[in-house]
């Protein structure tokens, strides 16, 4: 085999790998299992080529094929790779550049919280360059009903998990502004879901205000939240809705970098 022949064979191999990856990506990002025609259309590949790739991926246990419905979904082999990738996922590293951009855009301190069961923990922040600014204590744990970073996470959970939290956790007040009523918390969650972000004014710290949005991981799970925070006076000078849009956009970008599929429906469903 000549060098030219080797290069041609390598080129064909890379092309085949790229096509297979395109097929896998189309199936992984689809909300439901898909048939060969839909997958071919999504990838721009000929139907015959798509079908051949699908057969090979099924044979390798990477995809699963439903004989009754004639659709393809991710198989055990893909799950193993996905779980390995999730074990290596460093949310703080992925999110940090977005925190820097968000702080620069808003002029406020940006924070990152990670969900830990029924609480959340601050793991990173980028401080505002303003002389008077807010900062958070990294590593501190907070309940899911107090403050925007917490409420954003709670509101992103399915209704069954929200009700589980309300039923089994005391809604203790951190300040006089903290929501301590189950019915009020349910109403607040509806507001957050409609807006796409949560707002807090004095709920966790009396003179503080913040806006936050939830982060999602590769399989749609709620992994944390991102926020901007400052003094109440600072937030009175800025539009909460504008800050909310910026925070929600940053949360969507971080979630995409974490492998989440962007939600274009805009509706919260009672599924993870």
C-alpha atoms as a PDB file:
ATOM      1  CA  UNK A   1       0.000   0.000   0.000  1.00  0.00           C
ATOM      2  CA  UNK A   2       1.385   3.409  -0.992  1.00  0.00           C
ATOM      3  CA  UNK A   3       1.303   6.511   1.216  1.00  0.00           C
ATOM      4  CA  UNK A   4      -1.395   7.989  -1.045  1.00  0.00           C
ATOM      5  CA  UNK A   5      -3.513   4.836  -0.684  1.00  0.00           C
ATOM      6  CA  UNK A   6      -3.112   4.930   3.094  1.00  0.00           C
ATOM      7  CA  UNK A   7      -4.169   8.573   3.204  1.00  0.00           C
ATOM      8  CA  UNK A   8      -7.239   7.836   1.035  1.00  0.00           C
ATOM      9  CA  UNK A   9      -8.217   4.912   3.278  1.00  0.00           C
ATOM     10  CA  UNK A  10      -7.765   7.088   6.376  1.00  0.00           C
ATOM     11  CA  UNK A  11      -9.910   9.794   4.808  1.00  0.00           C
ATOM     12  CA  UNK A  12     -12.687   7.289   4.056  1.00  0.00           C
ATOM     13  CA  UNK A  13     -12.467   5.988   7.623  1.00  0.00           C
ATOM     14  CA  UNK A  14     -12.805   9.450   9.110  1.00  0.00           C
ATOM     15  CA  UNK A  15     -15.753  10.149   6.835  1.00  0.00           C
ATOM     16  CA  UNK A  16     -17.450   6.971   8.039  1.00  0.00           C
ATOM     17  CA  UNK A  17     -16.838   7.895  11.668  1.00  0.00           C
ATOM     18  CA  UNK A  18     -18.202  11.395  11.110  1.00  0.00           C
ATOM     19  CA  UNK A  19     -21.366   9.958   9.548  1.00  0.00           C
ATOM     20  CA  UNK A  20     -21.854   7.522  12.419  1.00  0.00           C
ATOM     21  CA  UNK A  21     -21.395  10.328  14.935  1.00  0.00           C
ATOM     22  CA  UNK A  22     -23.953  12.435  13.074  1.00  0.00           C
ATOM     23  CA  UNK A  23     -26.476   9.594  13.330  1.00  0.00           C
ATOM     24  CA  UNK A  24     -25.758   9.071  17.027  1.00  0.00           C
ATOM     25  CA  UNK A  25     -26.077  12.795  17.710  1.00  0.00           C
ATOM     26  CA  UNK A  26     -29.418  12.987  15.889  1.00  0.00           C
ATOM     27  CA  UNK A  27     -30.841  10.149  17.982  1.00  0.00           C
ATOM     28  CA  UNK A  28     -29.375  11.444  21.234  1.00  0.00           C
ATOM     29  CA  UNK A  29     -30.848  14.927  20.769  1.00  0.00           C
ATOM     30  CA  UNK A  30     -34.286  13.801  19.633  1.00  0.00           C
ATOM     31  CA  UNK A  31     -37.001  13.878  22.333  1.00  0.00           C
ATOM     32  CA  UNK A  32     -38.300  10.476  21.204  1.00  0.00           C
ATOM     33  CA  UNK A  33     -37.045   7.384  19.390  1.00  0.00           C
ATOM     34  CA  UNK A  34     -36.813   7.981  15.635  1.00  0.00           C
ATOM     35  CA  UNK A  35     -37.265   6.021  12.428  1.00  0.00           C
ATOM     36  CA  UNK A  36     -34.698   5.792   9.662  1.00  0.00           C
ATOM     37  CA  UNK A  37     -36.408   8.384   7.441  1.00  0.00           C
ATOM     38  CA  UNK A  38     -36.401  11.040  10.164  1.00  0.00           C
ATOM     39  CA  UNK A  39     -32.782  10.289  11.078  1.00  0.00           C
ATOM     40  CA  UNK A  40     -31.726  10.504   7.418  1.00  0.00           C
ATOM     41  CA  UNK A  41     -33.476  13.851   7.069  1.00  0.00           C
ATOM     42  CA  UNK A  42     -31.897  15.201  10.276  1.00  0.00           C
ATOM     43  CA  UNK A  43     -28.375  14.159   9.254  1.00  0.00           C
ATOM     44  CA  UNK A  44     -28.666  14.945   5.555  1.00  0.00           C
ATOM     45  CA  UNK A  45     -27.426  11.438   4.722  1.00  0.00           C
ATOM     46  CA  UNK A  46     -28.933   9.161   2.076  1.00  0.00           C
ATOM     47  CA  UNK A  47     -31.511   6.807   3.549  1.00  0.00           C
ATOM     48  CA  UNK A  48     -29.551   3.727   2.450  1.00  0.00           C
ATOM     49  CA  UNK A  49     -26.367   5.013   4.114  1.00  0.00           C
ATOM     50  CA  UNK A  50     -28.270   5.904   7.267  1.00  0.00           C
ATOM     51  CA  UNK A  51     -29.856   2.453   7.399  1.00  0.00           C
ATOM     52  CA  UNK A  52     -26.484   0.748   7.041  1.00  0.00           C
ATOM     53  CA  UNK A  53     -24.971   2.827   9.850  1.00  0.00           C
ATOM     54  CA  UNK A  54     -27.979   2.136  12.078  1.00  0.00           C
ATOM     55  CA  UNK A  55     -27.678  -1.620  11.514  1.00  0.00           C
ATOM     56  CA  UNK A  56     -23.999  -1.543  12.449  1.00  0.00           C
ATOM     57  CA  UNK A  57     -24.665   0.489  15.598  1.00  0.00           C
ATOM     58  CA  UNK A  58     -27.454  -1.903  16.627  1.00  0.00           C
ATOM     59  CA  UNK A  59     -25.149  -4.872  16.009  1.00  0.00           C
ATOM     60  CA  UNK A  60     -22.587  -3.223  18.276  1.00  0.00           C
ATOM     61  CA  UNK A  61     -25.219  -2.774  21.000  1.00  0.00           C
ATOM     62  CA  UNK A  62     -24.776   0.992  20.782  1.00  0.00           C
ATOM     63  CA  UNK A  63     -28.356   1.497  19.578  1.00  0.00           C
ATOM     64  CA  UNK A  64     -31.554  -0.448  20.228  1.00  0.00           C
ATOM     65  CA  UNK A  65     -34.164  -1.154  17.520  1.00  0.00           C
ATOM     66  CA  UNK A  66     -37.860  -1.702  18.203  1.00  0.00           C
ATOM     67  CA  UNK A  67     -39.162  -4.280  15.727  1.00  0.00           C
ATOM     68  CA  UNK A  68     -42.796  -3.288  16.287  1.00  0.00           C
ATOM     69  CA  UNK A  69     -42.498   0.484  15.872  1.00  0.00           C
ATOM     70  CA  UNK A  70     -39.402   0.466  13.621  1.00  0.00           C
ATOM     71  CA  UNK A  71     -37.652   3.172  15.628  1.00  0.00           C
ATOM     72  CA  UNK A  72     -34.150   3.519  17.048  1.00  0.00           C
ATOM     73  CA  UNK A  73     -33.066   4.688  20.492  1.00  0.00           C
ATOM     74  CA  UNK A  74     -29.834   4.751  22.459  1.00  0.00           C
ATOM     75  CA  UNK A  75     -28.715   1.302  23.633  1.00  0.00           C
ATOM     76  CA  UNK A  76     -26.671  -0.102  26.533  1.00  0.00           C
ATOM     77  CA  UNK A  77     -23.350   0.659  24.852  1.00  0.00           C
ATOM     78  CA  UNK A  78     -24.229   4.341  24.576  1.00  0.00           C
ATOM     79  CA  UNK A  79     -25.400   4.349  28.185  1.00  0.00           C
ATOM     80  CA  UNK A  80     -22.040   3.064  29.373  1.00  0.00           C
ATOM     81  CA  UNK A  81     -20.220   5.819  27.509  1.00  0.00           C
ATOM     82  CA  UNK A  82     -22.687   8.430  28.751  1.00  0.00           C
ATOM     83  CA  UNK A  83     -22.288   7.370  32.376  1.00  0.00           C
ATOM     84  CA  UNK A  84     -18.512   7.474  32.025  1.00  0.00           C
ATOM     85  CA  UNK A  85     -18.726  11.001  30.603  1.00  0.00           C
ATOM     86  CA  UNK A  86     -21.019  12.111  33.422  1.00  0.00           C
ATOM     87  CA  UNK A  87     -18.559  10.810  36.016  1.00  0.00           C
ATOM     88  CA  UNK A  88     -15.914  13.037  34.455  1.00  0.00           C
ATOM     89  CA  UNK A  89     -18.197  16.081  34.218  1.00  0.00           C
ATOM     90  CA  UNK A  90     -16.829  19.059  36.147  1.00  0.00           C
ATOM     91  CA  UNK A  91     -19.705  21.536  36.315  1.00  0.00           C
ATOM     92  CA  UNK A  92     -17.605  24.329  37.812  1.00  0.00           C
ATOM     93  CA  UNK A  93     -14.976  24.103  35.076  1.00  0.00           C
ATOM     94  CA  UNK A  94     -17.607  24.050  32.340  1.00  0.00           C
ATOM     95  CA  UNK A  95     -19.547  26.973  33.812  1.00  0.00           C
ATOM     96  CA  UNK A  96     -16.728  29.319  34.845  1.00  0.00           C
ATOM     97  CA  UNK A  97     -16.262  31.165  31.540  1.00  0.00           C
ATOM     98  CA  UNK A  98     -19.997  31.777  31.434  1.00  0.00           C
ATOM     99  CA  UNK A  99     -19.892  33.210  34.960  1.00  0.00           C
ATOM    100  CA  UNK A 100     -17.133  35.592  33.858  1.00  0.00           C
ATOM    101  CA  UNK A 101     -19.189  36.731  30.866  1.00  0.00           C
ATOM    102  CA  UNK A 102     -22.361  37.073  32.928  1.00  0.00           C
ATOM    103  CA  UNK A 103     -20.665  39.157  35.605  1.00  0.00           C
ATOM    104  CA  UNK A 104     -19.115  41.394  32.956  1.00  0.00           C
ATOM    105  CA  UNK A 105     -22.414  41.873  31.181  1.00  0.00           C
ATOM    106  CA  UNK A 106     -24.513  42.610  34.272  1.00  0.00           C
ATOM    107  CA  UNK A 107     -21.907  44.336  36.439  1.00  0.00           C
ATOM    108  CA  UNK A 108     -22.981  42.067  39.314  1.00  0.00           C
ATOM    109  CA  UNK A 109     -21.438  39.095  41.097  1.00  0.00           C
ATOM    110  CA  UNK A 110     -22.295  35.831  39.352  1.00  0.00           C
ATOM    111  CA  UNK A 111     -22.539  32.546  41.256  1.00  0.00           C
ATOM    112  CA  UNK A 112     -22.762  28.828  40.557  1.00  0.00           C
ATOM    113  CA  UNK A 113     -24.636  26.429  42.815  1.00  0.00           C
ATOM    114  CA  UNK A 114     -24.717  22.640  42.533  1.00  0.00           C
ATOM    115  CA  UNK A 115     -27.669  20.588  43.702  1.00  0.00           C
ATOM    116  CA  UNK A 116     -26.980  18.119  46.497  1.00  0.00           C
ATOM    117  CA  UNK A 117     -30.136  16.164  47.230  1.00  0.00           C
ATOM    118  CA  UNK A 118     -32.662  18.508  48.845  1.00  0.00           C
ATOM    119  CA  UNK A 119     -30.182  21.365  49.192  1.00  0.00           C
ATOM    120  CA  UNK A 120     -27.698  23.249  47.045  1.00  0.00           C
ATOM    121  CA  UNK A 121     -24.125  24.386  47.578  1.00  0.00           C
ATOM    122  CA  UNK A 122     -22.227  27.403  46.252  1.00  0.00           C
ATOM    123  CA  UNK A 123     -19.196  26.102  44.317  1.00  0.00           C
ATOM    124  CA  UNK A 124     -17.972  29.115  42.319  1.00  0.00           C
ATOM    125  CA  UNK A 125     -18.430  32.865  41.913  1.00  0.00           C
ATOM    126  CA  UNK A 126     -17.050  35.746  39.876  1.00  0.00           C
ATOM    127  CA  UNK A 127     -17.070  38.951  41.900  1.00  0.00           C
ATOM    128  CA  UNK A 128     -18.387  42.237  40.561  1.00  0.00           C
ATOM    129  CA  UNK A 129     -15.788  44.926  39.854  1.00  0.00           C
ATOM    130  CA  UNK A 130     -17.935  47.491  41.627  1.00  0.00           C
ATOM    131  CA  UNK A 131     -16.597  48.884  44.893  1.00  0.00           C
ATOM    132  CA  UNK A 132     -19.758  47.820  46.719  1.00  0.00           C
ATOM    133  CA  UNK A 133     -20.527  44.240  45.775  1.00  0.00           C
ATOM    134  CA  UNK A 134     -21.990  40.980  47.018  1.00  0.00           C
ATOM    135  CA  UNK A 135     -20.017  37.821  47.656  1.00  0.00           C
ATOM    136  CA  UNK A 136     -21.084  34.356  48.792  1.00  0.00           C
ATOM    137  CA  UNK A 137     -19.404  31.803  51.023  1.00  0.00           C
ATOM    138  CA  UNK A 138     -18.362  28.909  48.800  1.00  0.00           C
ATOM    139  CA  UNK A 139     -19.110  25.444  50.160  1.00  0.00           C
ATOM    140  CA  UNK A 140     -22.127  26.573  52.176  1.00  0.00           C
ATOM    141  CA  UNK A 141     -25.351  24.570  51.893  1.00  0.00           C
ATOM    142  CA  UNK A 142     -28.820  26.103  51.568  1.00  0.00           C
ATOM    143  CA  UNK A 143     -32.385  24.711  51.468  1.00  0.00           C
ATOM    144  CA  UNK A 144     -34.302  24.710  48.206  1.00  0.00           C
ATOM    145  CA  UNK A 145     -37.023  27.195  49.222  1.00  0.00           C
ATOM    146  CA  UNK A 146     -34.892  30.189  50.266  1.00  0.00           C
ATOM    147  CA  UNK A 147     -33.310  32.508  47.702  1.00  0.00           C
ATOM    148  CA  UNK A 148     -33.352  32.627  43.923  1.00  0.00           C
ATOM    149  CA  UNK A 149     -30.599  30.033  43.354  1.00  0.00           C
ATOM    150  CA  UNK A 150     -32.551  27.553  45.478  1.00  0.00           C
ATOM    151  CA  UNK A 151     -35.995  28.332  44.078  1.00  0.00           C
ATOM    152  CA  UNK A 152     -34.721  28.061  40.499  1.00  0.00           C
ATOM    153  CA  UNK A 153     -33.616  24.491  41.199  1.00  0.00           C
ATOM    154  CA  UNK A 154     -36.840  23.562  42.981  1.00  0.00           C
ATOM    155  CA  UNK A 155     -39.020  25.024  40.215  1.00  0.00           C
ATOM    156  CA  UNK A 156     -37.128  23.013  37.578  1.00  0.00           C
ATOM    157  CA  UNK A 157     -37.918  19.722  39.315  1.00  0.00           C
ATOM    158  CA  UNK A 158     -40.985  17.638  38.397  1.00  0.00           C
ATOM    159  CA  UNK A 159     -44.164  18.345  40.368  1.00  0.00           C
ATOM    160  CA  UNK A 160     -43.848  15.053  42.246  1.00  0.00           C
ATOM    161  CA  UNK A 161     -40.435  16.058  43.596  1.00  0.00           C
ATOM    162  CA  UNK A 162     -41.635  19.545  44.482  1.00  0.00           C
ATOM    163  CA  UNK A 163     -44.489  18.061  46.509  1.00  0.00           C
ATOM    164  CA  UNK A 164     -42.084  15.602  48.119  1.00  0.00           C
ATOM    165  CA  UNK A 165     -39.886  18.505  49.217  1.00  0.00           C
ATOM    166  CA  UNK A 166     -42.829  20.449  50.632  1.00  0.00           C
ATOM    167  CA  UNK A 167     -44.207  17.410  52.431  1.00  0.00           C
ATOM    168  CA  UNK A 168     -40.967  16.341  54.103  1.00  0.00           C
ATOM    169  CA  UNK A 169     -39.139  19.603  54.773  1.00  0.00           C
ATOM    170  CA  UNK A 170     -39.874  22.400  57.164  1.00  0.00           C
ATOM    171  CA  UNK A 171     -40.097  25.696  55.292  1.00  0.00           C
ATOM    172  CA  UNK A 172     -38.091  27.587  57.854  1.00  0.00           C
ATOM    173  CA  UNK A 173     -37.589  31.317  57.457  1.00  0.00           C
ATOM    174  CA  UNK A 174     -34.041  32.525  56.899  1.00  0.00           C
ATOM    175  CA  UNK A 175     -35.221  36.158  56.936  1.00  0.00           C
ATOM    176  CA  UNK A 176     -38.648  37.747  57.277  1.00  0.00           C
ATOM    177  CA  UNK A 177     -38.926  37.664  53.461  1.00  0.00           C
ATOM    178  CA  UNK A 178     -38.324  33.900  53.106  1.00  0.00           C
ATOM    179  CA  UNK A 179     -41.317  31.963  51.774  1.00  0.00           C
ATOM    180  CA  UNK A 180     -42.573  29.735  54.606  1.00  0.00           C
ATOM    181  CA  UNK A 181     -46.040  28.862  53.263  1.00  0.00           C
ATOM    182  CA  UNK A 182     -46.473  25.770  51.094  1.00  0.00           C
ATOM    183  CA  UNK A 183     -49.215  27.430  49.044  1.00  0.00           C
ATOM    184  CA  UNK A 184     -47.162  30.579  48.515  1.00  0.00           C
ATOM    185  CA  UNK A 185     -44.193  28.448  47.461  1.00  0.00           C
ATOM    186  CA  UNK A 186     -46.340  26.608  44.908  1.00  0.00           C
ATOM    187  CA  UNK A 187     -47.521  29.940  43.510  1.00  0.00           C
ATOM    188  CA  UNK A 188     -43.926  31.190  43.358  1.00  0.00           C
ATOM    189  CA  UNK A 189     -42.857  28.056  41.473  1.00  0.00           C
ATOM    190  CA  UNK A 190     -45.558  28.717  38.870  1.00  0.00           C
ATOM    191  CA  UNK A 191     -44.234  32.253  38.426  1.00  0.00           C
ATOM    192  CA  UNK A 192     -40.645  31.009  38.062  1.00  0.00           C
ATOM    193  CA  UNK A 193     -41.599  28.398  35.485  1.00  0.00           C
ATOM    194  CA  UNK A 194     -43.491  30.969  33.435  1.00  0.00           C
ATOM    195  CA  UNK A 195     -40.631  33.483  33.548  1.00  0.00           C
ATOM    196  CA  UNK A 196     -37.751  31.020  33.172  1.00  0.00           C
ATOM    197  CA  UNK A 197     -35.878  32.467  36.144  1.00  0.00           C
ATOM    198  CA  UNK A 198     -36.310  33.088  39.880  1.00  0.00           C
ATOM    199  CA  UNK A 199     -36.065  36.408  41.737  1.00  0.00           C
ATOM    200  CA  UNK A 200     -35.218  36.936  45.400  1.00  0.00           C
ATOM    201  CA  UNK A 201     -35.290  40.193  47.343  1.00  0.00           C
ATOM    202  CA  UNK A 202     -34.054  39.775  50.887  1.00  0.00           C
ATOM    203  CA  UNK A 203     -35.127  36.125  51.159  1.00  0.00           C
ATOM    204  CA  UNK A 204     -31.755  34.783  52.263  1.00  0.00           C
ATOM    205  CA  UNK A 205     -29.901  37.968  53.206  1.00  0.00           C
ATOM    206  CA  UNK A 206     -31.889  41.024  54.240  1.00  0.00           C
ATOM    207  CA  UNK A 207     -30.097  43.590  52.049  1.00  0.00           C
ATOM    208  CA  UNK A 208     -29.393  41.283  49.116  1.00  0.00           C
ATOM    209  CA  UNK A 209     -31.216  40.620  45.857  1.00  0.00           C
ATOM    210  CA  UNK A 210     -30.597  38.048  43.145  1.00  0.00           C
ATOM    211  CA  UNK A 211     -31.881  36.451  39.953  1.00  0.00           C
ATOM    212  CA  UNK A 212     -31.189  32.787  39.093  1.00  0.00           C
ATOM    213  CA  UNK A 213     -31.957  30.072  36.536  1.00  0.00           C
ATOM    214  CA  UNK A 214     -31.603  26.297  36.700  1.00  0.00           C
ATOM    215  CA  UNK A 215     -28.920  24.183  35.033  1.00  0.00           C
ATOM    216  CA  UNK A 216     -29.592  20.831  33.397  1.00  0.00           C
ATOM    217  CA  UNK A 217     -27.287  17.906  32.693  1.00  0.00           C
ATOM    218  CA  UNK A 218     -27.007  15.427  29.808  1.00  0.00           C
ATOM    219  CA  UNK A 219     -30.178  13.474  30.582  1.00  0.00           C
ATOM    220  CA  UNK A 220     -32.204  16.517  31.577  1.00  0.00           C
ATOM    221  CA  UNK A 221     -31.529  16.224  35.292  1.00  0.00           C
ATOM    222  CA  UNK A 222     -31.398  19.415  37.360  1.00  0.00           C
ATOM    223  CA  UNK A 223     -27.754  19.809  38.412  1.00  0.00           C
ATOM    224  CA  UNK A 224     -27.682  23.313  39.868  1.00  0.00           C
ATOM    225  CA  UNK A 225     -28.286  26.975  39.140  1.00  0.00           C
ATOM    226  CA  UNK A 226     -26.518  30.136  38.050  1.00  0.00           C
ATOM    227  CA  UNK A 227     -27.293  33.576  39.451  1.00  0.00           C
ATOM    228  CA  UNK A 228     -26.336  37.222  39.613  1.00  0.00           C
ATOM    229  CA  UNK A 229     -26.556  38.919  42.999  1.00  0.00           C
ATOM    230  CA  UNK A 230     -26.063  42.374  44.478  1.00  0.00           C
ATOM    231  CA  UNK A 231     -27.484  44.749  47.030  1.00  0.00           C
ATOM    232  CA  UNK A 232     -31.181  45.570  46.954  1.00  0.00           C
ATOM    233  CA  UNK A 233     -30.310  49.133  45.946  1.00  0.00           C
ATOM    234  CA  UNK A 234     -28.297  47.896  42.948  1.00  0.00           C
ATOM    235  CA  UNK A 235     -31.156  45.732  41.727  1.00  0.00           C
ATOM    236  CA  UNK A 236     -33.653  48.546  42.083  1.00  0.00           C
ATOM    237  CA  UNK A 237     -31.585  50.473  39.544  1.00  0.00           C
ATOM    238  CA  UNK A 238     -31.632  47.589  37.056  1.00  0.00           C
ATOM    239  CA  UNK A 239     -34.509  45.740  35.448  1.00  0.00           C
ATOM    240  CA  UNK A 240     -35.069  42.317  37.013  1.00  0.00           C
ATOM    241  CA  UNK A 241     -36.616  41.099  33.760  1.00  0.00           C
ATOM    242  CA  UNK A 242     -33.530  42.114  31.771  1.00  0.00           C
ATOM    243  CA  UNK A 243     -31.236  40.448  34.304  1.00  0.00           C
ATOM    244  CA  UNK A 244     -33.502  37.421  34.256  1.00  0.00           C
ATOM    245  CA  UNK A 245     -33.212  37.099  30.494  1.00  0.00           C
ATOM    246  CA  UNK A 246     -29.419  37.305  30.671  1.00  0.00           C
ATOM    247  CA  UNK A 247     -29.215  34.758  33.491  1.00  0.00           C
ATOM    248  CA  UNK A 248     -31.621  32.388  31.728  1.00  0.00           C
ATOM    249  CA  UNK A 249     -29.546  32.654  28.550  1.00  0.00           C
ATOM    250  CA  UNK A 250     -26.338  31.917  30.478  1.00  0.00           C
ATOM    251  CA  UNK A 251     -28.018  28.938  32.155  1.00  0.00           C
ATOM    252  CA  UNK A 252     -29.098  27.583  28.767  1.00  0.00           C
ATOM    253  CA  UNK A 253     -25.559  27.978  27.392  1.00  0.00           C
ATOM    254  CA  UNK A 254     -24.006  26.225  30.403  1.00  0.00           C
ATOM    255  CA  UNK A 255     -26.579  23.437  30.206  1.00  0.00           C
ATOM    256  CA  UNK A 256     -25.800  22.973  26.504  1.00  0.00           C
ATOM    257  CA  UNK A 257     -22.086  22.736  27.318  1.00  0.00           C
ATOM    258  CA  UNK A 258     -22.970  20.112  29.930  1.00  0.00           C
ATOM    259  CA  UNK A 259     -24.682  18.077  27.210  1.00  0.00           C
ATOM    260  CA  UNK A 260     -28.302  19.014  27.824  1.00  0.00           C
ATOM    261  CA  UNK A 261     -30.684  19.308  24.900  1.00  0.00           C
ATOM    262  CA  UNK A 262     -32.061  22.823  24.621  1.00  0.00           C
ATOM    263  CA  UNK A 263     -35.763  22.989  25.504  1.00  0.00           C
ATOM    264  CA  UNK A 264     -37.655  24.743  22.737  1.00  0.00           C
ATOM    265  CA  UNK A 265     -41.087  23.893  24.079  1.00  0.00           C
ATOM    266  CA  UNK A 266     -40.881  26.369  26.938  1.00  0.00           C
ATOM    267  CA  UNK A 267     -43.105  24.216  29.123  1.00  0.00           C
ATOM    268  CA  UNK A 268     -42.288  22.343  32.322  1.00  0.00           C
ATOM    269  CA  UNK A 269     -43.457  18.723  32.222  1.00  0.00           C
ATOM    270  CA  UNK A 270     -43.759  16.319  35.122  1.00  0.00           C
ATOM    271  CA  UNK A 271     -40.807  14.247  33.977  1.00  0.00           C
ATOM    272  CA  UNK A 272     -37.084  14.540  34.784  1.00  0.00           C
END
